[in-house]
Structures are given as structure tokens and as C-alpha cells.
N, C-alpha and C. Protein backbone atom coordinates (compact mmCIF):
# COMPACT_ATOMS: atom_id res chain seq x y z
N MET A 1 -11.73 6.62 -9.70
CA MET A 1 -10.78 6.39 -8.63
C MET A 1 -10.30 4.94 -8.61
N GLU A 2 -11.16 4.04 -9.10
CA GLU A 2 -10.78 2.63 -9.11
C GLU A 2 -9.64 2.36 -10.08
N GLY A 3 -9.57 3.12 -11.17
CA GLY A 3 -8.50 2.96 -12.14
C GLY A 3 -7.14 3.24 -11.55
N LEU A 4 -7.09 4.20 -10.61
CA LEU A 4 -5.81 4.52 -9.97
C LEU A 4 -5.30 3.35 -9.12
N ASN A 5 -6.22 2.58 -8.55
CA ASN A 5 -5.81 1.41 -7.79
C ASN A 5 -5.12 0.39 -8.69
N TYR A 6 -5.63 0.24 -9.91
CA TYR A 6 -5.01 -0.70 -10.84
C TYR A 6 -3.63 -0.22 -11.28
N VAL A 7 -3.49 1.08 -11.47
CA VAL A 7 -2.19 1.64 -11.84
C VAL A 7 -1.21 1.43 -10.70
N GLY A 8 -1.66 1.71 -9.49
CA GLY A 8 -0.78 1.52 -8.32
C GLY A 8 -0.38 0.07 -8.16
N ALA A 9 -1.32 -0.84 -8.33
CA ALA A 9 -1.00 -2.26 -8.20
C ALA A 9 -0.02 -2.68 -9.29
N GLY A 10 -0.20 -2.16 -10.50
CA GLY A 10 0.71 -2.49 -11.58
C GLY A 10 2.11 -1.98 -11.31
N LEU A 11 2.23 -0.78 -10.80
CA LEU A 11 3.54 -0.22 -10.47
C LEU A 11 4.22 -1.01 -9.36
N ILE A 12 3.44 -1.46 -8.40
CA ILE A 12 3.99 -2.25 -7.30
C ILE A 12 4.56 -3.57 -7.83
N VAL A 13 3.80 -4.24 -8.68
CA VAL A 13 4.24 -5.52 -9.23
C VAL A 13 5.48 -5.34 -10.11
N ILE A 14 5.48 -4.29 -10.92
CA ILE A 14 6.65 -4.02 -11.77
C ILE A 14 7.88 -3.74 -10.91
N GLY A 15 7.72 -2.92 -9.88
CA GLY A 15 8.84 -2.59 -9.00
C GLY A 15 9.38 -3.81 -8.28
N ALA A 16 8.50 -4.63 -7.77
CA ALA A 16 8.95 -5.84 -7.07
C ALA A 16 9.64 -6.80 -8.04
N GLY A 17 9.10 -6.93 -9.24
CA GLY A 17 9.73 -7.79 -10.24
C GLY A 17 11.11 -7.32 -10.64
N LEU A 18 11.25 -6.02 -10.83
CA LEU A 18 12.56 -5.46 -11.17
C LEU A 18 13.55 -5.66 -10.02
N GLY A 19 13.08 -5.45 -8.80
CA GLY A 19 13.97 -5.63 -7.65
C GLY A 19 14.45 -7.06 -7.50
N ILE A 20 13.54 -8.00 -7.62
CA ILE A 20 13.92 -9.41 -7.48
C ILE A 20 14.79 -9.84 -8.65
N GLY A 21 14.49 -9.34 -9.84
CA GLY A 21 15.33 -9.66 -11.00
C GLY A 21 16.74 -9.13 -10.85
N ARG A 22 16.84 -7.93 -10.31
CA ARG A 22 18.17 -7.35 -10.10
C ARG A 22 18.95 -8.14 -9.06
N ILE A 23 18.28 -8.54 -8.00
CA ILE A 23 18.95 -9.34 -6.96
C ILE A 23 19.45 -10.66 -7.56
N GLY A 24 18.60 -11.31 -8.35
CA GLY A 24 19.00 -12.58 -8.97
C GLY A 24 20.19 -12.42 -9.90
N GLY A 25 20.16 -11.38 -10.73
CA GLY A 25 21.25 -11.15 -11.65
C GLY A 25 22.56 -10.85 -10.95
N GLN A 26 22.50 -10.00 -9.94
CA GLN A 26 23.71 -9.65 -9.20
C GLN A 26 24.24 -10.86 -8.43
N ALA A 27 23.34 -11.70 -7.93
CA ALA A 27 23.78 -12.90 -7.22
C ALA A 27 24.48 -13.86 -8.17
N MET A 28 23.97 -13.99 -9.39
CA MET A 28 24.62 -14.87 -10.36
C MET A 28 26.01 -14.35 -10.73
N GLU A 29 26.14 -13.03 -10.85
CA GLU A 29 27.46 -12.46 -11.13
C GLU A 29 28.42 -12.71 -9.96
N ALA A 30 27.91 -12.57 -8.74
CA ALA A 30 28.76 -12.80 -7.57
C ALA A 30 29.18 -14.26 -7.48
N ILE A 31 28.27 -15.18 -7.78
CA ILE A 31 28.61 -16.61 -7.74
C ILE A 31 29.63 -16.93 -8.83
N ALA A 32 29.50 -16.27 -9.99
CA ALA A 32 30.46 -16.51 -11.07
C ALA A 32 31.86 -16.04 -10.66
N ARG A 33 31.92 -14.95 -9.88
CA ARG A 33 33.21 -14.44 -9.44
C ARG A 33 33.79 -15.26 -8.30
N GLN A 34 32.93 -15.72 -7.38
CA GLN A 34 33.39 -16.47 -6.20
C GLN A 34 32.51 -17.71 -6.01
N PRO A 35 32.77 -18.77 -6.75
CA PRO A 35 31.92 -19.96 -6.64
C PRO A 35 31.95 -20.59 -5.24
N GLU A 36 33.02 -20.40 -4.51
CA GLU A 36 33.11 -21.00 -3.17
C GLU A 36 32.16 -20.35 -2.18
N ALA A 37 31.68 -19.15 -2.48
CA ALA A 37 30.76 -18.45 -1.58
C ALA A 37 29.31 -18.58 -2.03
N SER A 38 29.01 -19.54 -2.89
CA SER A 38 27.67 -19.62 -3.47
C SER A 38 26.59 -19.85 -2.42
N GLY A 39 26.88 -20.64 -1.40
CA GLY A 39 25.88 -20.90 -0.36
C GLY A 39 25.47 -19.64 0.38
N LYS A 40 26.45 -18.85 0.77
CA LYS A 40 26.15 -17.59 1.48
C LYS A 40 25.44 -16.60 0.57
N ILE A 41 25.85 -16.55 -0.68
CA ILE A 41 25.24 -15.61 -1.63
C ILE A 41 23.78 -16.00 -1.88
N GLN A 42 23.52 -17.29 -2.07
CA GLN A 42 22.15 -17.74 -2.31
C GLN A 42 21.26 -17.48 -1.11
N THR A 43 21.79 -17.68 0.08
CA THR A 43 21.00 -17.42 1.29
C THR A 43 20.63 -15.95 1.39
N ALA A 44 21.62 -15.08 1.17
CA ALA A 44 21.35 -13.65 1.23
C ALA A 44 20.38 -13.23 0.14
N MET A 45 20.50 -13.83 -1.06
CA MET A 45 19.61 -13.52 -2.17
C MET A 45 18.17 -13.90 -1.82
N LEU A 46 17.98 -15.08 -1.26
CA LEU A 46 16.63 -15.53 -0.93
C LEU A 46 15.99 -14.66 0.16
N ILE A 47 16.78 -14.27 1.14
CA ILE A 47 16.25 -13.40 2.21
C ILE A 47 15.85 -12.05 1.64
N ALA A 48 16.71 -11.47 0.81
CA ALA A 48 16.40 -10.17 0.22
C ALA A 48 15.18 -10.26 -0.70
N ALA A 49 15.08 -11.32 -1.50
CA ALA A 49 13.93 -11.49 -2.38
C ALA A 49 12.64 -11.66 -1.57
N ALA A 50 12.71 -12.38 -0.48
CA ALA A 50 11.53 -12.56 0.37
C ALA A 50 11.09 -11.24 0.99
N LEU A 51 12.05 -10.42 1.40
CA LEU A 51 11.70 -9.12 1.97
C LEU A 51 11.05 -8.21 0.92
N ILE A 52 11.60 -8.21 -0.28
CA ILE A 52 11.01 -7.39 -1.35
C ILE A 52 9.61 -7.87 -1.68
N GLU A 53 9.44 -9.19 -1.76
CA GLU A 53 8.12 -9.72 -2.08
C GLU A 53 7.13 -9.43 -0.96
N GLY A 54 7.58 -9.49 0.27
CA GLY A 54 6.70 -9.16 1.40
C GLY A 54 6.25 -7.72 1.38
N ILE A 55 7.18 -6.82 1.08
CA ILE A 55 6.82 -5.40 1.00
C ILE A 55 5.87 -5.17 -0.17
N GLY A 56 6.13 -5.82 -1.30
CA GLY A 56 5.24 -5.69 -2.44
C GLY A 56 3.85 -6.22 -2.15
N PHE A 57 3.79 -7.33 -1.44
CA PHE A 57 2.49 -7.92 -1.09
C PHE A 57 1.71 -6.99 -0.15
N ALA A 58 2.41 -6.42 0.83
CA ALA A 58 1.75 -5.47 1.75
C ALA A 58 1.29 -4.22 1.00
N ALA A 59 2.08 -3.75 0.05
CA ALA A 59 1.72 -2.57 -0.71
C ALA A 59 0.51 -2.85 -1.61
N LEU A 60 0.40 -4.08 -2.12
CA LEU A 60 -0.78 -4.42 -2.92
C LEU A 60 -2.06 -4.35 -2.10
N PHE A 61 -1.99 -4.76 -0.84
CA PHE A 61 -3.16 -4.65 0.02
C PHE A 61 -3.50 -3.19 0.29
N ALA A 62 -2.48 -2.35 0.41
CA ALA A 62 -2.72 -0.93 0.66
C ALA A 62 -3.32 -0.27 -0.57
N ALA A 63 -2.94 -0.73 -1.77
CA ALA A 63 -3.47 -0.13 -2.99
C ALA A 63 -4.90 -0.61 -3.19
């Protein structure tokens, strides 16, 4: 049963990493399209990344 905890923790970390990576990539594309909005885009990106990381951290405790 302990092995399943490691699999769950690994899936959580992979999912959070993919989510944050996707947010970063999409934010860079948005900044490339609209450089004047970079401040707002970066702020939204950081908030979304923090929320994903928080959910991932809570899920690791549950696993």
C-alpha cells in the first residue's frame, strides 16, 4: 500500500509541473503578442501558479 502513495505523489508533482509549465508558456506567448500588458499578464501568471502549487502541496499531504 505504501507504493501507491509514491505513485500518487509522483502523479501530483507531474501534474503540478505540467500545469505551471503550461501557464508560463502561455504567458510568454501573451507577452510576445501584447508587450504593453506584460505587468498584468505576469501578475495573473504568478497568482495562477501559486494556486496550482498550493493545491499540489495540499494533495501531497493527502497522499
